[in-house]
Amino acid sequence: MKNEDMNDHFLYWDDIFKIFNTSETTVNRRISEKKFPKKVHPIPGSRRVGWLRSEIQLFIQGKWKYEG
């Protein structure tokens, strides 16, 4: 899978800031409160984090539910 293809499946901080117009602190708080999708590591072992595009789409549609 090409890196460009992989990016189609993930959203990163810049995307989250643009979509939700909120701060990193607020996003992290909502994650800890189980009110926002969890971050994932698109490349196992890397420090970079992102979100599954599909989970963010469900969240925006009001269909996302926490799965712990």
C-alpha atoms as a PDB file:
ATOM      1  CA  MET A   1       0.000   0.000   0.000  1.00  0.00           C
ATOM      2  CA  LYS A   2       1.387   3.390  -0.976  1.00  0.00           C
ATOM      3  CA  ASN A   3       1.747   6.094   1.664  1.00  0.00           C
ATOM      4  CA  GLU A   4      -0.756   8.216  -0.293  1.00  0.00           C
ATOM      5  CA  ASP A   5      -3.320   5.389  -0.121  1.00  0.00           C
ATOM      6  CA  MET A   6      -2.753   4.974   3.612  1.00  0.00           C
ATOM      7  CA  ASN A   7      -3.424   8.681   4.194  1.00  0.00           C
ATOM      8  CA  ASP A   8      -6.882   8.223   2.645  1.00  0.00           C
ATOM      9  CA  HIS A   9      -7.772   6.003   5.602  1.00  0.00           C
ATOM     10  CA  PHE A  10      -6.550   8.312   8.360  1.00  0.00           C
ATOM     11  CA  LEU A  11      -7.041  11.855   9.576  1.00  0.00           C
ATOM     12  CA  TYR A  12      -4.310  13.668  11.472  1.00  0.00           C
ATOM     13  CA  TRP A  13      -4.176  16.574  13.935  1.00  0.00           C
ATOM     14  CA  ASP A  14      -4.311  19.214  11.195  1.00  0.00           C
ATOM     15  CA  ASP A  15      -7.460  17.600   9.806  1.00  0.00           C
ATOM     16  CA  ILE A  16      -9.083  17.338  13.246  1.00  0.00           C
ATOM     17  CA  PHE A  17      -8.335  21.008  13.980  1.00  0.00           C
ATOM     18  CA  LYS A  18      -9.899  22.068  10.668  1.00  0.00           C
ATOM     19  CA  ILE A  19     -12.983  19.872  11.037  1.00  0.00           C
ATOM     20  CA  PHE A  20     -13.789  20.596  14.695  1.00  0.00           C
ATOM     21  CA  ASN A  21     -12.113  23.972  15.257  1.00  0.00           C
ATOM     22  CA  THR A  22     -10.937  22.909  18.704  1.00  0.00           C
ATOM     23  CA  SER A  23      -7.698  22.491  20.627  1.00  0.00           C
ATOM     24  CA  GLU A  24      -5.542  19.432  21.191  1.00  0.00           C
ATOM     25  CA  THR A  25      -6.307  19.690  24.914  1.00  0.00           C
ATOM     26  CA  THR A  26     -10.053  19.559  24.290  1.00  0.00           C
ATOM     27  CA  VAL A  27      -9.750  16.587  21.939  1.00  0.00           C
ATOM     28  CA  ASN A  28      -7.591  14.688  24.441  1.00  0.00           C
ATOM     29  CA  ARG A  29     -10.031  15.445  27.257  1.00  0.00           C
ATOM     30  CA  ARG A  30     -12.950  14.188  25.188  1.00  0.00           C
ATOM     31  CA  ILE A  31     -11.011  11.032  24.341  1.00  0.00           C
ATOM     32  CA  SER A  32     -10.352  10.380  28.039  1.00  0.00           C
ATOM     33  CA  GLU A  33     -14.068  10.972  28.751  1.00  0.00           C
ATOM     34  CA  LYS A  34     -14.874   8.444  25.987  1.00  0.00           C
ATOM     35  CA  LYS A  35     -16.685  11.149  24.032  1.00  0.00           C
ATOM     36  CA  PHE A  36     -14.382  11.178  20.989  1.00  0.00           C
ATOM     37  CA  PRO A  37     -12.766   8.393  18.926  1.00  0.00           C
ATOM     38  CA  LYS A  38      -9.405   7.077  20.132  1.00  0.00           C
ATOM     39  CA  LYS A  39      -6.165   7.961  18.409  1.00  0.00           C
ATOM     40  CA  VAL A  40      -4.405   5.182  16.506  1.00  0.00           C
ATOM     41  CA  HIS A  41      -0.865   4.656  15.255  1.00  0.00           C
ATOM     42  CA  PRO A  42      -1.152   4.302  11.458  1.00  0.00           C
ATOM     43  CA  ILE A  43       2.345   2.831  11.407  1.00  0.00           C
ATOM     44  CA  PRO A  44       2.850   0.407  14.314  1.00  0.00           C
ATOM     45  CA  GLY A  45       5.678   1.532  16.567  1.00  0.00           C
ATOM     46  CA  SER A  46       5.676   5.091  15.231  1.00  0.00           C
ATOM     47  CA  ARG A  47       5.000   8.162  17.324  1.00  0.00           C
ATOM     48  CA  ARG A  48       2.615   9.657  14.775  1.00  0.00           C
ATOM     49  CA  VAL A  49      -1.024   9.375  15.688  1.00  0.00           C
ATOM     50  CA  GLY A  50      -4.193   9.799  13.709  1.00  0.00           C
ATOM     51  CA  TRP A  51      -7.815   8.760  13.591  1.00  0.00           C
ATOM     52  CA  LEU A  52      -9.618   6.333  11.381  1.00  0.00           C
ATOM     53  CA  ARG A  53     -11.467   8.420   8.812  1.00  0.00           C
ATOM     54  CA  SER A  54     -14.462   6.082   9.109  1.00  0.00           C
ATOM     55  CA  GLU A  55     -14.742   6.681  12.882  1.00  0.00           C
ATOM     56  CA  ILE A  56     -14.598  10.459  12.458  1.00  0.00           C
ATOM     57  CA  GLN A  57     -17.278  10.252   9.762  1.00  0.00           C
ATOM     58  CA  LEU A  58     -19.507   8.246  12.111  1.00  0.00           C
ATOM     59  CA  PHE A  59     -18.792  10.750  14.898  1.00  0.00           C
ATOM     60  CA  ILE A  60     -19.845  13.665  12.688  1.00  0.00           C
ATOM     61  CA  GLN A  61     -23.023  11.790  11.719  1.00  0.00           C
ATOM     62  CA  GLY A  62     -23.805  11.136  15.388  1.00  0.00           C
ATOM     63  CA  LYS A  63     -23.503   7.373  14.892  1.00  0.00           C
ATOM     64  CA  TRP A  64     -20.176   6.782  16.672  1.00  0.00           C
ATOM     65  CA  LYS A  65     -20.196   4.861  19.942  1.00  0.00           C
ATOM     66  CA  TYR A  66     -17.299   4.186  22.287  1.00  0.00           C
ATOM     67  CA  GLU A  67     -15.993   0.649  22.024  1.00  0.00           C
ATOM     68  CA  GLY A  68     -13.559  -0.022  24.844  1.00  0.00           C
END
